[in-house]
Amino acid sequence: MTTATAEPKKLLTESEAAQRLGIQAGTLTVWRSTKRYDLAFCKIGRAVRYDERDIEAFIASHRVPVGESTE
């Protein structure tokens, strides 16, 4: 009998998540404190971690189609 297992979550540090997004880690700190974007994160003690899948979904949700105005 075979059981399906979910792919394990990869949690990224704040620096790793910022690098994926092409921003400074401090920007993520500002986004969290001001709730500027709806980007989920995990608090483990004092450590902040981001699920890799949430980062990829965030990037996809902010994609602007060719020819569409960004203003």
PDB file of N, CA and C in Angstrom:
ATOM      1  N   MET A   1       0.837  -1.166   0.000  1.00  0.00           N
ATOM      2  CA  MET A   1       0.000   0.000   0.000  1.00  0.00           C
ATOM      3  C   MET A   1       0.894   1.246   0.000  1.00  0.00           C
ATOM      4  N   THR A   2       0.558   2.193  -0.848  1.00  0.00           N
ATOM      5  CA  THR A   2       1.322   3.426  -0.954  1.00  0.00           C
ATOM      6  C   THR A   2       0.511   4.576  -0.390  1.00  0.00           C
ATOM      7  N   THR A   3       1.159   5.398   0.411  1.00  0.00           N
ATOM      8  CA  THR A   3       0.469   6.570   0.941  1.00  0.00           C
ATOM      9  C   THR A   3       1.079   7.809   0.311  1.00  0.00           C
ATOM     10  N   ALA A   4       0.227   8.751  -0.032  1.00  0.00           N
ATOM     11  CA  ALA A   4       0.705  10.005  -0.614  1.00  0.00           C
ATOM     12  C   ALA A   4       1.179  10.918   0.505  1.00  0.00           C
ATOM     13  N   THR A   5       2.333  11.479   0.315  1.00  0.00           N
ATOM     14  CA  THR A   5       2.835  12.426   1.302  1.00  0.00           C
ATOM     15  C   THR A   5       2.935  13.790   0.652  1.00  0.00           C
ATOM     16  N   ALA A   6       2.583  14.788   1.399  1.00  0.00           N
ATOM     17  CA  ALA A   6       2.674  16.153   0.889  1.00  0.00           C
ATOM     18  C   ALA A   6       4.134  16.564   0.808  1.00  0.00           C
ATOM     19  N   GLU A   7       4.422  17.393  -0.175  1.00  0.00           N
ATOM     20  CA  GLU A   7       5.782  17.900  -0.302  1.00  0.00           C
ATOM     21  C   GLU A   7       6.091  18.750   0.922  1.00  0.00           C
ATOM     22  N   PRO A   8       7.233  18.536   1.555  1.00  0.00           N
ATOM     23  CA  PRO A   8       7.547  19.314   2.747  1.00  0.00           C
ATOM     24  C   PRO A   8       7.691  20.797   2.420  1.00  0.00           C
ATOM     25  N   LYS A   9       7.282  21.612   3.358  1.00  0.00           N
ATOM     26  CA  LYS A   9       7.392  23.056   3.187  1.00  0.00           C
ATOM     27  C   LYS A   9       8.846  23.465   3.356  1.00  0.00           C
ATOM     28  N   LYS A  10       9.273  24.379   2.520  1.00  0.00           N
ATOM     29  CA  LYS A  10      10.608  24.953   2.687  1.00  0.00           C
ATOM     30  C   LYS A  10      10.401  26.346   3.252  1.00  0.00           C
ATOM     31  N   LEU A  11      10.889  26.551   4.455  1.00  0.00           N
ATOM     32  CA  LEU A  11      10.785  27.854   5.080  1.00  0.00           C
ATOM     33  C   LEU A  11      12.055  28.641   4.815  1.00  0.00           C
ATOM     34  N   LEU A  12      11.866  29.855   4.325  1.00  0.00           N
ATOM     35  CA  LEU A  12      12.983  30.728   3.998  1.00  0.00           C
ATOM     36  C   LEU A  12      13.207  31.740   5.106  1.00  0.00           C
ATOM     37  N   THR A  13      14.449  32.079   5.323  1.00  0.00           N
ATOM     38  CA  THR A  13      14.744  33.159   6.263  1.00  0.00           C
ATOM     39  C   THR A  13      14.305  34.473   5.622  1.00  0.00           C
ATOM     40  N   GLU A  14      14.299  35.519   6.416  1.00  0.00           N
ATOM     41  CA  GLU A  14      13.926  36.831   5.900  1.00  0.00           C
ATOM     42  C   GLU A  14      14.875  37.251   4.769  1.00  0.00           C
ATOM     43  N   SER A  15      16.142  36.993   4.934  1.00  0.00           N
ATOM     44  CA  SER A  15      17.129  37.334   3.905  1.00  0.00           C
ATOM     45  C   SER A  15      16.911  36.547   2.622  1.00  0.00           C
ATOM     46  N   GLU A  16      16.631  35.256   2.748  1.00  0.00           N
ATOM     47  CA  GLU A  16      16.378  34.422   1.570  1.00  0.00           C
ATOM     48  C   GLU A  16      15.120  34.872   0.835  1.00  0.00           C
ATOM     49  N   ALA A  17      14.066  35.167   1.596  1.00  0.00           N
ATOM     50  CA  ALA A  17      12.811  35.618   0.987  1.00  0.00           C
ATOM     51  C   ALA A  17      13.022  36.951   0.282  1.00  0.00           C
ATOM     52  N   ALA A  18      13.724  37.860   0.916  1.00  0.00           N
ATOM     53  CA  ALA A  18      14.001  39.164   0.315  1.00  0.00           C
ATOM     54  C   ALA A  18      14.801  39.006  -0.973  1.00  0.00           C
ATOM     55  N   GLN A  19      15.769  38.112  -0.962  1.00  0.00           N
ATOM     56  CA  GLN A  19      16.580  37.871  -2.152  1.00  0.00           C
ATOM     57  C   GLN A  19      15.708  37.365  -3.294  1.00  0.00           C
ATOM     58  N   ARG A  20      14.785  36.451  -3.001  1.00  0.00           N
ATOM     59  CA  ARG A  20      13.876  35.936  -4.034  1.00  0.00           C
ATOM     60  C   ARG A  20      13.021  37.044  -4.632  1.00  0.00           C
ATOM     61  N   LEU A  21      12.637  38.004  -3.782  1.00  0.00           N
ATOM     62  CA  LEU A  21      11.786  39.106  -4.223  1.00  0.00           C
ATOM     63  C   LEU A  21      12.575  40.261  -4.828  1.00  0.00           C
ATOM     64  N   GLY A  22      13.892  40.231  -4.666  1.00  0.00           N
ATOM     65  CA  GLY A  22      14.738  41.291  -5.202  1.00  0.00           C
ATOM     66  C   GLY A  22      14.636  42.590  -4.409  1.00  0.00           C
ATOM     67  N   ILE A  23      14.418  42.451  -3.097  1.00  0.00           N
ATOM     68  CA  ILE A  23      14.294  43.612  -2.216  1.00  0.00           C
ATOM     69  C   ILE A  23      15.219  43.443  -1.017  1.00  0.00           C
ATOM     70  N   GLN A  24      15.338  44.472  -0.201  1.00  0.00           N
ATOM     71  CA  GLN A  24      16.128  44.401   1.026  1.00  0.00           C
ATOM     72  C   GLN A  24      15.315  43.700   2.119  1.00  0.00           C
ATOM     73  N   ALA A  25      15.992  43.000   3.007  1.00  0.00           N
ATOM     74  CA  ALA A  25      15.309  42.322   4.119  1.00  0.00           C
ATOM     75  C   ALA A  25      14.540  43.321   4.975  1.00  0.00           C
ATOM     76  N   GLY A  26      15.064  44.516   5.121  1.00  0.00           N
ATOM     77  CA  GLY A  26      14.387  45.546   5.898  1.00  0.00           C
ATOM     78  C   GLY A  26      13.042  45.925   5.307  1.00  0.00           C
ATOM     79  N   THR A  27      12.904  45.796   3.991  1.00  0.00           N
ATOM     80  CA  THR A  27      11.622  46.086   3.343  1.00  0.00           C
ATOM     81  C   THR A  27      10.556  45.108   3.813  1.00  0.00           C
ATOM     82  N   LEU A  28      10.928  43.845   3.968  1.00  0.00           N
ATOM     83  CA  LEU A  28       9.970  42.859   4.483  1.00  0.00           C
ATOM     84  C   LEU A  28       9.535  43.214   5.900  1.00  0.00           C
ATOM     85  N   THR A  29      10.453  43.715   6.693  1.00  0.00           N
ATOM     86  CA  THR A  29      10.130  44.142   8.055  1.00  0.00           C
ATOM     87  C   THR A  29       9.097  45.261   8.015  1.00  0.00           C
ATOM     88  N   VAL A  30       9.298  46.223   7.135  1.00  0.00           N
ATOM     89  CA  VAL A  30       8.343  47.326   6.992  1.00  0.00           C
ATOM     90  C   VAL A  30       6.993  46.802   6.520  1.00  0.00           C
ATOM     91  N   TRP A  31       6.991  45.922   5.533  1.00  0.00           N
ATOM     92  CA  TRP A  31       5.735  45.374   5.027  1.00  0.00           C
ATOM     93  C   TRP A  31       4.963  44.654   6.131  1.00  0.00           C
ATOM     94  N   ARG A  32       5.673  43.907   6.982  1.00  0.00           N
ATOM     95  CA  ARG A  32       4.994  43.204   8.078  1.00  0.00           C
ATOM     96  C   ARG A  32       4.395  44.182   9.072  1.00  0.00           C
ATOM     97  N   SER A  33       5.169  45.187   9.453  1.00  0.00           N
ATOM     98  CA  SER A  33       4.713  46.094  10.501  1.00  0.00           C
ATOM     99  C   SER A  33       3.599  47.028  10.019  1.00  0.00           C
ATOM    100  N   THR A  34       3.609  47.386   8.732  1.00  0.00           N
ATOM    101  CA  THR A  34       2.579  48.280   8.202  1.00  0.00           C
ATOM    102  C   THR A  34       1.431  47.528   7.542  1.00  0.00           C
ATOM    103  N   LYS A  35       1.596  46.198   7.419  1.00  0.00           N
ATOM    104  CA  LYS A  35       0.612  45.355   6.730  1.00  0.00           C
ATOM    105  C   LYS A  35       0.353  45.855   5.302  1.00  0.00           C
ATOM    106  N   ARG A  36       1.405  46.329   4.667  1.00  0.00           N
ATOM    107  CA  ARG A  36       1.295  46.884   3.317  1.00  0.00           C
ATOM    108  C   ARG A  36       0.851  45.826   2.310  1.00  0.00           C
ATOM    109  N   TYR A  37       1.401  44.633   2.414  1.00  0.00           N
ATOM    110  CA  TYR A  37       1.027  43.537   1.519  1.00  0.00           C
ATOM    111  C   TYR A  37       0.569  42.352   2.339  1.00  0.00           C
ATOM    112  N   ASP A  38      -0.294  41.551   1.735  1.00  0.00           N
ATOM    113  CA  ASP A  38      -0.818  40.359   2.393  1.00  0.00           C
ATOM    114  C   ASP A  38       0.120  39.186   2.103  1.00  0.00           C
ATOM    115  N   LEU A  39       1.301  39.217   2.715  1.00  0.00           N
ATOM    116  CA  LEU A  39       2.300  38.180   2.523  1.00  0.00           C
ATOM    117  C   LEU A  39       2.450  37.424   3.843  1.00  0.00           C
ATOM    118  N   ALA A  40       2.025  36.172   3.828  1.00  0.00           N
ATOM    119  CA  ALA A  40       2.035  35.366   5.045  1.00  0.00           C
ATOM    120  C   ALA A  40       3.458  35.097   5.518  1.00  0.00           C
ATOM    121  N   PHE A  41       3.627  34.996   6.822  1.00  0.00           N
ATOM    122  CA  PHE A  41       4.917  34.655   7.410  1.00  0.00           C
ATOM    123  C   PHE A  41       4.682  33.864   8.682  1.00  0.00           C
ATOM    124  N   CYS A  42       5.718  33.198   9.161  1.00  0.00           N
ATOM    125  CA  CYS A  42       5.654  32.405  10.386  1.00  0.00           C
ATOM    126  C   CYS A  42       6.594  33.010  11.412  1.00  0.00           C
ATOM    127  N   LYS A  43       6.156  33.066  12.641  1.00  0.00           N
ATOM    128  CA  LYS A  43       7.026  33.485  13.739  1.00  0.00           C
ATOM    129  C   LYS A  43       7.342  32.246  14.554  1.00  0.00           C
ATOM    130  N   ILE A  44       8.613  31.941  14.677  1.00  0.00           N
ATOM    131  CA  ILE A  44       9.064  30.815  15.483  1.00  0.00           C
ATOM    132  C   ILE A  44      10.009  31.422  16.506  1.00  0.00           C
ATOM    133  N   GLY A  45       9.480  31.668  17.685  1.00  0.00           N
ATOM    134  CA  GLY A  45      10.239  32.429  18.664  1.00  0.00           C
ATOM    135  C   GLY A  45      10.410  33.835  18.122  1.00  0.00           C
ATOM    136  N   ARG A  46      11.640  34.283  18.018  1.00  0.00           N
ATOM    137  CA  ARG A  46      11.905  35.600  17.445  1.00  0.00           C
ATOM    138  C   ARG A  46      12.168  35.536  15.944  1.00  0.00           C
ATOM    139  N   ALA A  47      12.341  34.331  15.432  1.00  0.00           N
ATOM    140  CA  ALA A  47      12.670  34.156  14.020  1.00  0.00           C
ATOM    141  C   ALA A  47      11.436  34.317  13.142  1.00  0.00           C
ATOM    142  N   VAL A  48      11.612  34.983  12.015  1.00  0.00           N
ATOM    143  CA  VAL A  48      10.559  35.142  11.012  1.00  0.00           C
ATOM    144  C   VAL A  48      10.939  34.276   9.819  1.00  0.00           C
ATOM    145  N   ARG A  49       9.985  33.484   9.362  1.00  0.00           N
ATOM    146  CA  ARG A  49      10.223  32.613   8.212  1.00  0.00           C
ATOM    147  C   ARG A  49       9.082  32.769   7.217  1.00  0.00           C
ATOM    148  N   TYR A  50       9.400  32.556   5.951  1.00  0.00           N
ATOM    149  CA  TYR A  50       8.423  32.643   4.872  1.00  0.00           C
ATOM    150  C   TYR A  50       8.378  31.309   4.145  1.00  0.00           C
ATOM    151  N   ASP A  51       7.167  30.826   3.892  1.00  0.00           N
ATOM    152  CA  ASP A  51       6.989  29.597   3.123  1.00  0.00           C
ATOM    153  C   ASP A  51       7.342  29.915   1.669  1.00  0.00           C
ATOM    154  N   GLU A  52       8.197  29.109   1.099  1.00  0.00           N
ATOM    155  CA  GLU A  52       8.649  29.310  -0.274  1.00  0.00           C
ATOM    156  C   GLU A  52       7.464  29.405  -1.239  1.00  0.00           C
ATOM    157  N   ARG A  53       6.434  28.600  -0.999  1.00  0.00           N
ATOM    158  CA  ARG A  53       5.255  28.617  -1.883  1.00  0.00           C
ATOM    159  C   ARG A  53       4.505  29.940  -1.776  1.00  0.00           C
ATOM    160  N   ASP A  54       4.472  30.536  -0.589  1.00  0.00           N
ATOM    161  CA  ASP A  54       3.818  31.843  -0.421  1.00  0.00           C
ATOM    162  C   ASP A  54       4.576  32.934  -1.178  1.00  0.00           C
ATOM    163  N   ILE A  55       5.897  32.846  -1.177  1.00  0.00           N
ATOM    164  CA  ILE A  55       6.702  33.827  -1.909  1.00  0.00           C
ATOM    165  C   ILE A  55       6.423  33.706  -3.409  1.00  0.00           C
ATOM    166  N   GLU A  56       6.395  32.481  -3.912  1.00  0.00           N
ATOM    167  CA  GLU A  56       6.123  32.265  -5.338  1.00  0.00           C
ATOM    168  C   GLU A  56       4.717  32.729  -5.701  1.00  0.00           C
ATOM    169  N   ALA A  57       3.735  32.466  -4.846  1.00  0.00           N
ATOM    170  CA  ALA A  57       2.359  32.907  -5.096  1.00  0.00           C
ATOM    171  C   ALA A  57       2.268  34.432  -5.074  1.00  0.00           C
ATOM    172  N   PHE A  58       3.006  35.073  -4.160  1.00  0.00           N
ATOM    173  CA  PHE A  58       3.029  36.528  -4.066  1.00  0.00           C
ATOM    174  C   PHE A  58       3.578  37.127  -5.360  1.00  0.00           C
ATOM    175  N   ILE A  59       4.656  36.554  -5.866  1.00  0.00           N
ATOM    176  CA  ILE A  59       5.243  37.036  -7.121  1.00  0.00           C
ATOM    177  C   ILE A  59       4.236  36.891  -8.257  1.00  0.00           C
ATOM    178  N   ALA A  60       3.605  35.725  -8.339  1.00  0.00           N
ATOM    179  CA  ALA A  60       2.630  35.474  -9.404  1.00  0.00           C
ATOM    180  C   ALA A  60       1.440  36.431  -9.319  1.00  0.00           C
ATOM    181  N   SER A  61       1.007  36.756  -8.110  1.00  0.00           N
ATOM    182  CA  SER A  61      -0.162  37.621  -7.945  1.00  0.00           C
ATOM    183  C   SER A  61       0.135  39.082  -8.282  1.00  0.00           C
ATOM    184  N   HIS A  62       1.406  39.438  -8.350  1.00  0.00           N
ATOM    185  CA  HIS A  62       1.785  40.813  -8.681  1.00  0.00           C
ATOM    186  C   HIS A  62       2.323  40.953 -10.094  1.00  0.00           C
ATOM    187  N   ARG A  63       2.129  39.919 -10.863  1.00  0.00           N
ATOM    188  CA  ARG A  63       2.573  39.941 -12.255  1.00  0.00           C
ATOM    189  C   ARG A  63       1.677  40.870 -13.062  1.00  0.00           C
ATOM    190  N   VAL A  64       2.276  41.728 -13.862  1.00  0.00           N
ATOM    191  CA  VAL A  64       1.531  42.658 -14.707  1.00  0.00           C
ATOM    192  C   VAL A  64       1.628  42.182 -16.153  1.00  0.00           C
ATOM    193  N   PRO A  65       0.476  41.913 -16.784  1.00  0.00           N
ATOM    194  CA  PRO A  65       0.497  41.439 -18.179  1.00  0.00           C
ATOM    195  C   PRO A  65       1.123  42.465 -19.121  1.00  0.00           C
ATOM    196  N   VAL A  66       1.706  41.985 -20.208  1.00  0.00           N
ATOM    197  CA  VAL A  66       2.322  42.848 -21.201  1.00  0.00           C
ATOM    198  C   VAL A  66       1.274  43.813 -21.746  1.00  0.00           C
ATOM    199  N   GLY A  67       1.650  45.077 -21.839  1.00  0.00           N
ATOM    200  CA  GLY A  67       0.753  46.080 -22.394  1.00  0.00           C
ATOM    201  C   GLY A  67      -0.153  46.736 -21.365  1.00  0.00           C
ATOM    202  N   GLU A  68      -0.202  46.193 -20.154  1.00  0.00           N
ATOM    203  CA  GLU A  68      -1.058  46.784 -19.116  1.00  0.00           C
ATOM    204  C   GLU A  68      -0.251  47.857 -18.381  1.00  0.00           C
ATOM    205  N   SER A  69      -0.917  48.949 -18.078  1.00  0.00           N
ATOM    206  CA  SER A  69      -0.262  50.063 -17.386  1.00  0.00           C
ATOM    207  C   SER A  69       0.032  49.677 -15.938  1.00  0.00           C
ATOM    208  N   THR A  70       1.164  50.125 -15.429  1.00  0.00           N
ATOM    209  CA  THR A  70       1.527  49.870 -14.044  1.00  0.00           C
ATOM    210  C   THR A  70       1.236  51.080 -13.168  1.00  0.00           C
ATOM    211  N   GLU A  71       0.609  52.081 -13.717  1.00  0.00           N
ATOM    212  CA  GLU A  71       0.341  53.309 -12.940  1.00  0.00           C
ATOM    213  C   GLU A  71      -1.042  53.301 -12.368  1.00  0.00           C
TER     214      GLU A  71
END
